[in-house]
Amino acid sequence: ELMVEEEEASAVRHALEALGGPCRELLLLFYWEECPMDEIALKMGFANADTAKSKKYQCKKALEKLLRGTAAYHA
């Protein structure tokens, strides 16, 4: 079970690297640093929290698409 979790974590790391740029930064700020949307908007230069939220949704969908092609994520 631990090996499966490590493979999944590795798949997510690789997908984030492949995603790159602003999407990687936004997702890391939101999910790992647990920054609120208004703070993310300020840090990343978005007009407001709603814009950051919309971009997060787009980035999350792009990450999910990358992960769908990863066998380790489906194990």
PDB file of N, CA and C in Angstrom:
ATOM      1  N   GLU A   1       0.826  -1.198   0.000  1.00  0.00           N
ATOM      2  CA  GLU A   1       0.000   0.000   0.000  1.00  0.00           C
ATOM      3  C   GLU A   1       0.865   1.254   0.000  1.00  0.00           C
ATOM      4  N   LEU A   2       1.929   1.251   0.789  1.00  0.00           N
ATOM      5  CA  LEU A   2       2.832   2.401   0.838  1.00  0.00           C
ATOM      6  C   LEU A   2       3.482   2.630  -0.525  1.00  0.00           C
ATOM      7  N   MET A   3       3.807   1.553  -1.206  1.00  0.00           N
ATOM      8  CA  MET A   3       4.428   1.662  -2.523  1.00  0.00           C
ATOM      9  C   MET A   3       3.467   2.308  -3.531  1.00  0.00           C
ATOM     10  N   VAL A   4       2.209   1.943  -3.449  1.00  0.00           N
ATOM     11  CA  VAL A   4       1.199   2.534  -4.337  1.00  0.00           C
ATOM     12  C   VAL A   4       1.081   4.029  -4.065  1.00  0.00           C
ATOM     13  N   GLU A   5       1.057   4.413  -2.790  1.00  0.00           N
ATOM     14  CA  GLU A   5       0.969   5.830  -2.433  1.00  0.00           C
ATOM     15  C   GLU A   5       2.182   6.599  -2.948  1.00  0.00           C
ATOM     16  N   GLU A   6       3.369   6.000  -2.838  1.00  0.00           N
ATOM     17  CA  GLU A   6       4.582   6.646  -3.327  1.00  0.00           C
ATOM     18  C   GLU A   6       4.542   6.802  -4.848  1.00  0.00           C
ATOM     19  N   GLU A   7       4.023   5.794  -5.537  1.00  0.00           N
ATOM     20  CA  GLU A   7       3.908   5.876  -6.997  1.00  0.00           C
ATOM     21  C   GLU A   7       2.909   6.955  -7.408  1.00  0.00           C
ATOM     22  N   GLU A   8       1.810   7.053  -6.670  1.00  0.00           N
ATOM     23  CA  GLU A   8       0.819   8.092  -6.959  1.00  0.00           C
ATOM     24  C   GLU A   8       1.403   9.479  -6.716  1.00  0.00           C
ATOM     25  N   ALA A   9       2.127   9.640  -5.614  1.00  0.00           N
ATOM     26  CA  ALA A   9       2.753  10.926  -5.303  1.00  0.00           C
ATOM     27  C   ALA A   9       3.769  11.288  -6.385  1.00  0.00           C
ATOM     28  N   SER A  10       4.518  10.313  -6.832  1.00  0.00           N
ATOM     29  CA  SER A  10       5.501  10.537  -7.892  1.00  0.00           C
ATOM     30  C   SER A  10       4.803  10.953  -9.190  1.00  0.00           C
ATOM     31  N   ALA A  11       3.700  10.305  -9.502  1.00  0.00           N
ATOM     32  CA  ALA A  11       2.938  10.644 -10.711  1.00  0.00           C
ATOM     33  C   ALA A  11       2.440  12.081 -10.642  1.00  0.00           C
ATOM     34  N   VAL A  12       1.967  12.498  -9.471  1.00  0.00           N
ATOM     35  CA  VAL A  12       1.471  13.871  -9.299  1.00  0.00           C
ATOM     36  C   VAL A  12       2.628  14.858  -9.445  1.00  0.00           C
ATOM     37  N   ARG A  13       3.781  14.547  -8.839  1.00  0.00           N
ATOM     38  CA  ARG A  13       4.950  15.432  -8.968  1.00  0.00           C
ATOM     39  C   ARG A  13       5.357  15.596 -10.430  1.00  0.00           C
ATOM     40  N   HIS A  14       5.423  14.486 -11.157  1.00  0.00           N
ATOM     41  CA  HIS A  14       5.802  14.548 -12.570  1.00  0.00           C
ATOM     42  C   HIS A  14       4.770  15.325 -13.391  1.00  0.00           C
ATOM     43  N   ALA A  15       3.503  15.122 -13.089  1.00  0.00           N
ATOM     44  CA  ALA A  15       2.446  15.841 -13.808  1.00  0.00           C
ATOM     45  C   ALA A  15       2.532  17.346 -13.526  1.00  0.00           C
ATOM     46  N   LEU A  16       2.819  17.711 -12.273  1.00  0.00           N
ATOM     47  CA  LEU A  16       2.973  19.127 -11.934  1.00  0.00           C
ATOM     48  C   LEU A  16       4.159  19.735 -12.676  1.00  0.00           C
ATOM     49  N   GLU A  17       5.247  18.978 -12.781  1.00  0.00           N
ATOM     50  CA  GLU A  17       6.413  19.460 -13.524  1.00  0.00           C
ATOM     51  C   GLU A  17       6.049  19.662 -14.995  1.00  0.00           C
ATOM     52  N   ALA A  18       5.319  18.708 -15.561  1.00  0.00           N
ATOM     53  CA  ALA A  18       4.913  18.795 -16.960  1.00  0.00           C
ATOM     54  C   ALA A  18       3.950  19.972 -17.176  1.00  0.00           C
ATOM     55  N   LEU A  19       3.103  20.213 -16.188  1.00  0.00           N
ATOM     56  CA  LEU A  19       2.136  21.315 -16.257  1.00  0.00           C
ATOM     57  C   LEU A  19       2.875  22.649 -16.314  1.00  0.00           C
ATOM     58  N   GLY A  20       3.845  22.791 -15.434  1.00  0.00           N
ATOM     59  CA  GLY A  20       4.726  23.952 -15.446  1.00  0.00           C
ATOM     60  C   GLY A  20       4.070  25.276 -15.106  1.00  0.00           C
ATOM     61  N   GLY A  21       4.910  26.295 -15.104  1.00  0.00           N
ATOM     62  CA  GLY A  21       4.534  27.689 -14.975  1.00  0.00           C
ATOM     63  C   GLY A  21       3.505  28.064 -13.948  1.00  0.00           C
ATOM     64  N   PRO A  22       2.632  28.990 -14.321  1.00  0.00           N
ATOM     65  CA  PRO A  22       1.654  29.534 -13.381  1.00  0.00           C
ATOM     66  C   PRO A  22       0.704  28.470 -12.797  1.00  0.00           C
ATOM     67  N   CYS A  23       0.356  27.473 -13.589  1.00  0.00           N
ATOM     68  CA  CYS A  23      -0.552  26.444 -13.057  1.00  0.00           C
ATOM     69  C   CYS A  23       0.089  25.692 -11.898  1.00  0.00           C
ATOM     70  N   ARG A  24       1.330  25.312 -12.069  1.00  0.00           N
ATOM     71  CA  ARG A  24       2.022  24.599 -10.988  1.00  0.00           C
ATOM     72  C   ARG A  24       2.068  25.476  -9.735  1.00  0.00           C
ATOM     73  N   GLU A  25       2.441  26.745  -9.913  1.00  0.00           N
ATOM     74  CA  GLU A  25       2.531  27.659  -8.773  1.00  0.00           C
ATOM     75  C   GLU A  25       1.179  27.826  -8.090  1.00  0.00           C
ATOM     76  N   LEU A  26       0.140  28.032  -8.871  1.00  0.00           N
ATOM     77  CA  LEU A  26      -1.192  28.237  -8.311  1.00  0.00           C
ATOM     78  C   LEU A  26      -1.653  27.013  -7.521  1.00  0.00           C
ATOM     79  N   LEU A  27      -1.495  25.826  -8.100  1.00  0.00           N
ATOM     80  CA  LEU A  27      -1.941  24.614  -7.416  1.00  0.00           C
ATOM     81  C   LEU A  27      -1.140  24.353  -6.152  1.00  0.00           C
ATOM     82  N   LEU A  28       0.158  24.608  -6.199  1.00  0.00           N
ATOM     83  CA  LEU A  28       0.985  24.427  -5.001  1.00  0.00           C
ATOM     84  C   LEU A  28       0.571  25.413  -3.911  1.00  0.00           C
ATOM     85  N   LEU A  29       0.320  26.658  -4.289  1.00  0.00           N
ATOM     86  CA  LEU A  29      -0.128  27.647  -3.302  1.00  0.00           C
ATOM     87  C   LEU A  29      -1.443  27.227  -2.659  1.00  0.00           C
ATOM     88  N   PHE A  30      -2.362  26.737  -3.475  1.00  0.00           N
ATOM     89  CA  PHE A  30      -3.687  26.392  -2.951  1.00  0.00           C
ATOM     90  C   PHE A  30      -3.676  25.091  -2.148  1.00  0.00           C
ATOM     91  N   TYR A  31      -3.145  24.020  -2.721  1.00  0.00           N
ATOM     92  CA  TYR A  31      -3.254  22.708  -2.083  1.00  0.00           C
ATOM     93  C   TYR A  31      -2.171  22.424  -1.052  1.00  0.00           C
ATOM     94  N   TRP A  32      -0.943  22.888  -1.296  1.00  0.00           N
ATOM     95  CA  TRP A  32       0.125  22.544  -0.363  1.00  0.00           C
ATOM     96  C   TRP A  32       0.353  23.631   0.668  1.00  0.00           C
ATOM     97  N   GLU A  33       0.294  24.890   0.270  1.00  0.00           N
ATOM     98  CA  GLU A  33       0.505  25.981   1.214  1.00  0.00           C
ATOM     99  C   GLU A  33      -0.805  26.475   1.817  1.00  0.00           C
ATOM    100  N   GLU A  34      -1.917  25.986   1.267  1.00  0.00           N
ATOM    101  CA  GLU A  34      -3.259  26.304   1.758  1.00  0.00           C
ATOM    102  C   GLU A  34      -3.524  27.806   1.833  1.00  0.00           C
ATOM    103  N   CYS A  35      -3.047  28.525   0.825  1.00  0.00           N
ATOM    104  CA  CYS A  35      -3.295  29.968   0.747  1.00  0.00           C
ATOM    105  C   CYS A  35      -4.737  30.216   0.316  1.00  0.00           C
ATOM    106  N   PRO A  36      -5.366  31.228   0.882  1.00  0.00           N
ATOM    107  CA  PRO A  36      -6.716  31.585   0.427  1.00  0.00           C
ATOM    108  C   PRO A  36      -6.664  32.211  -0.970  1.00  0.00           C
ATOM    109  N   MET A  37      -7.766  32.149  -1.669  1.00  0.00           N
ATOM    110  CA  MET A  37      -7.823  32.624  -3.051  1.00  0.00           C
ATOM    111  C   MET A  37      -7.463  34.102  -3.194  1.00  0.00           C
ATOM    112  N   ASP A  38      -7.872  34.933  -2.251  1.00  0.00           N
ATOM    113  CA  ASP A  38      -7.538  36.354  -2.368  1.00  0.00           C
ATOM    114  C   ASP A  38      -6.030  36.576  -2.270  1.00  0.00           C
ATOM    115  N   GLU A  39      -5.372  35.790  -1.435  1.00  0.00           N
ATOM    116  CA  GLU A  39      -3.915  35.884  -1.311  1.00  0.00           C
ATOM    117  C   GLU A  39      -3.221  35.375  -2.584  1.00  0.00           C
ATOM    118  N   ILE A  40      -3.749  34.292  -3.149  1.00  0.00           N
ATOM    119  CA  ILE A  40      -3.200  33.759  -4.405  1.00  0.00           C
ATOM    120  C   ILE A  40      -3.358  34.788  -5.518  1.00  0.00           C
ATOM    121  N   ALA A  41      -4.521  35.423  -5.583  1.00  0.00           N
ATOM    122  CA  ALA A  41      -4.768  36.450  -6.606  1.00  0.00           C
ATOM    123  C   ALA A  41      -3.740  37.576  -6.483  1.00  0.00           C
ATOM    124  N   LEU A  42      -3.479  37.998  -5.276  1.00  0.00           N
ATOM    125  CA  LEU A  42      -2.523  39.071  -5.030  1.00  0.00           C
ATOM    126  C   LEU A  42      -1.108  38.638  -5.429  1.00  0.00           C
ATOM    127  N   LYS A  43      -0.691  37.454  -4.983  1.00  0.00           N
ATOM    128  CA  LYS A  43       0.655  36.946  -5.270  1.00  0.00           C
ATOM    129  C   LYS A  43       0.895  36.736  -6.755  1.00  0.00           C
ATOM    130  N   MET A  44      -0.155  36.316  -7.465  1.00  0.00           N
ATOM    131  CA  MET A  44       0.015  35.945  -8.862  1.00  0.00           C
ATOM    132  C   MET A  44      -0.447  37.021  -9.845  1.00  0.00           C
ATOM    133  N   GLY A  45      -0.947  38.134  -9.314  1.00  0.00           N
ATOM    134  CA  GLY A  45      -1.329  39.250 -10.174  1.00  0.00           C
ATOM    135  C   GLY A  45      -2.669  39.097 -10.879  1.00  0.00           C
ATOM    136  N   PHE A  46      -3.559  38.270 -10.312  1.00  0.00           N
ATOM    137  CA  PHE A  46      -4.900  38.145 -10.877  1.00  0.00           C
ATOM    138  C   PHE A  46      -5.753  39.313 -10.413  1.00  0.00           C
ATOM    139  N   ALA A  47      -6.797  39.615 -11.170  1.00  0.00           N
ATOM    140  CA  ALA A  47      -7.661  40.749 -10.853  1.00  0.00           C
ATOM    141  C   ALA A  47      -8.334  40.605  -9.488  1.00  0.00           C
ATOM    142  N   ASN A  48      -8.753  39.383  -9.159  1.00  0.00           N
ATOM    143  CA  ASN A  48      -9.445  39.149  -7.888  1.00  0.00           C
ATOM    144  C   ASN A  48      -9.475  37.648  -7.578  1.00  0.00           C
ATOM    145  N   ALA A  49     -10.085  37.298  -6.446  1.00  0.00           N
ATOM    146  CA  ALA A  49     -10.142  35.902  -6.014  1.00  0.00           C
ATOM    147  C   ALA A  49     -10.950  35.038  -6.977  1.00  0.00           C
ATOM    148  N   ASP A  50     -11.988  35.614  -7.579  1.00  0.00           N
ATOM    149  CA  ASP A  50     -12.802  34.846  -8.531  1.00  0.00           C
ATOM    150  C   ASP A  50     -11.990  34.455  -9.767  1.00  0.00           C
ATOM    151  N   THR A  51     -11.141  35.350 -10.229  1.00  0.00           N
ATOM    152  CA  THR A  51     -10.279  35.048 -11.372  1.00  0.00           C
ATOM    153  C   THR A  51      -9.299  33.938 -11.003  1.00  0.00           C
ATOM    154  N   ALA A  52      -8.731  34.021  -9.807  1.00  0.00           N
ATOM    155  CA  ALA A  52      -7.807  32.984  -9.337  1.00  0.00           C
ATOM    156  C   ALA A  52      -8.520  31.642  -9.219  1.00  0.00           C
ATOM    157  N   LYS A  53      -9.754  31.668  -8.740  1.00  0.00           N
ATOM    158  CA  LYS A  53     -10.546  30.446  -8.598  1.00  0.00           C
ATOM    159  C   LYS A  53     -10.819  29.803  -9.955  1.00  0.00           C
ATOM    160  N   SER A  54     -11.150  30.624 -10.926  1.00  0.00           N
ATOM    161  CA  SER A  54     -11.391  30.131 -12.282  1.00  0.00           C
ATOM    162  C   SER A  54     -10.125  29.519 -12.874  1.00  0.00           C
ATOM    163  N   LYS A  55      -9.001  30.191 -12.673  1.00  0.00           N
ATOM    164  CA  LYS A  55      -7.725  29.683 -13.179  1.00  0.00           C
ATOM    165  C   LYS A  55      -7.351  28.383 -12.470  1.00  0.00           C
ATOM    166  N   LYS A  56      -7.625  28.287 -11.181  1.00  0.00           N
ATOM    167  CA  LYS A  56      -7.342  27.057 -10.431  1.00  0.00           C
ATOM    168  C   LYS A  56      -8.143  25.895 -11.016  1.00  0.00           C
ATOM    169  N   TYR A  57      -9.384  26.145 -11.353  1.00  0.00           N
ATOM    170  CA  TYR A  57     -10.227  25.111 -11.946  1.00  0.00           C
ATOM    171  C   TYR A  57      -9.622  24.632 -13.270  1.00  0.00           C
ATOM    172  N   GLN A  58      -9.217  25.574 -14.108  1.00  0.00           N
ATOM    173  CA  GLN A  58      -8.609  25.226 -15.399  1.00  0.00           C
ATOM    174  C   GLN A  58      -7.323  24.428 -15.197  1.00  0.00           C
ATOM    175  N   CYS A  59      -6.509  24.861 -14.253  1.00  0.00           N
ATOM    176  CA  CYS A  59      -5.239  24.185 -13.980  1.00  0.00           C
ATOM    177  C   CYS A  59      -5.459  22.789 -13.416  1.00  0.00           C
ATOM    178  N   LYS A  60      -6.437  22.657 -12.540  1.00  0.00           N
ATOM    179  CA  LYS A  60      -6.738  21.349 -11.962  1.00  0.00           C
ATOM    180  C   LYS A  60      -7.201  20.380 -13.051  1.00  0.00           C
ATOM    181  N   LYS A  61      -8.024  20.860 -13.962  1.00  0.00           N
ATOM    182  CA  LYS A  61      -8.483  20.018 -15.076  1.00  0.00           C
ATOM    183  C   LYS A  61      -7.305  19.608 -15.957  1.00  0.00           C
ATOM    184  N   ALA A  62      -6.381  20.512 -16.211  1.00  0.00           N
ATOM    185  CA  ALA A  62      -5.197  20.195 -17.013  1.00  0.00           C
ATOM    186  C   ALA A  62      -4.332  19.154 -16.304  1.00  0.00           C
ATOM    187  N   LEU A  63      -4.199  19.285 -14.993  1.00  0.00           N
ATOM    188  CA  LEU A  63      -3.431  18.309 -14.212  1.00  0.00           C
ATOM    189  C   LEU A  63      -4.106  16.944 -14.258  1.00  0.00           C
ATOM    190  N   GLU A  64      -5.418  16.915 -14.105  1.00  0.00           N
ATOM    191  CA  GLU A  64      -6.160  15.652 -14.163  1.00  0.00           C
ATOM    192  C   GLU A  64      -5.979  14.978 -15.521  1.00  0.00           C
ATOM    193  N   LYS A  65      -5.977  15.767 -16.582  1.00  0.00           N
ATOM    194  CA  LYS A  65      -5.784  15.222 -17.922  1.00  0.00           C
ATOM    195  C   LYS A  65      -4.403  14.575 -18.043  1.00  0.00           C
ATOM    196  N   LEU A  66      -3.388  15.226 -17.503  1.00  0.00           N
ATOM    197  CA  LEU A  66      -2.040  14.656 -17.513  1.00  0.00           C
ATOM    198  C   LEU A  66      -1.986  13.364 -16.700  1.00  0.00           C
ATOM    199  N   LEU A  67      -2.684  13.346 -15.585  1.00  0.00           N
ATOM    200  CA  LEU A  67      -2.657  12.173 -14.705  1.00  0.00           C
ATOM    201  C   LEU A  67      -3.425  10.990 -15.294  1.00  0.00           C
ATOM    202  N   ARG A  68      -4.424  11.262 -16.108  1.00  0.00           N
ATOM    203  CA  ARG A  68      -5.189  10.157 -16.724  1.00  0.00           C
ATOM    204  C   ARG A  68      -4.306   9.256 -17.559  1.00  0.00           C
ATOM    205  N   GLY A  69      -3.242   9.813 -18.101  1.00  0.00           N
ATOM    206  CA  GLY A  69      -2.330   9.018 -18.916  1.00  0.00           C
ATOM    207  C   GLY A  69      -1.242   8.327 -18.111  1.00  0.00           C
ATOM    208  N   THR A  70      -1.295   8.438 -16.788  1.00  0.00           N
ATOM    209  CA  THR A  70      -0.270   7.865 -15.926  1.00  0.00           C
ATOM    210  C   THR A  70      -0.765   6.583 -15.287  1.00  0.00           C
ATOM    211  N   ALA A  71      -0.111   5.483 -15.593  1.00  0.00           N
ATOM    212  CA  ALA A  71      -0.517   4.165 -15.074  1.00  0.00           C
ATOM    213  C   ALA A  71      -0.440   4.126 -13.542  1.00  0.00           C
ATOM    214  N   ALA A  72       0.578   4.725 -12.956  1.00  0.00           N
ATOM    215  CA  ALA A  72       0.761   4.671 -11.503  1.00  0.00           C
ATOM    216  C   ALA A  72      -0.416   5.326 -10.775  1.00  0.00           C
ATOM    217  N   TYR A  73      -1.009   6.343 -11.385  1.00  0.00           N
ATOM    218  CA  TYR A  73      -2.113   7.043 -10.759  1.00  0.00           C
ATOM    219  C   TYR A  73      -3.371   6.179 -10.741  1.00  0.00           C
ATOM    220  N   HIS A  74      -3.489   5.276 -11.684  1.00  0.00           N
ATOM    221  CA  HIS A  74      -4.675   4.426 -11.772  1.00  0.00           C
ATOM    222  C   HIS A  74      -4.534   3.126 -10.993  1.00  0.00           C
ATOM    223  N   ALA A  75      -3.361   2.851 -10.468  1.00  0.00           N
ATOM    224  CA  ALA A  75      -3.119   1.573  -9.784  1.00  0.00           C
ATOM    225  C   ALA A  75      -3.976   1.413  -8.553  1.00  0.00           C
TER     226      ALA A  75
END
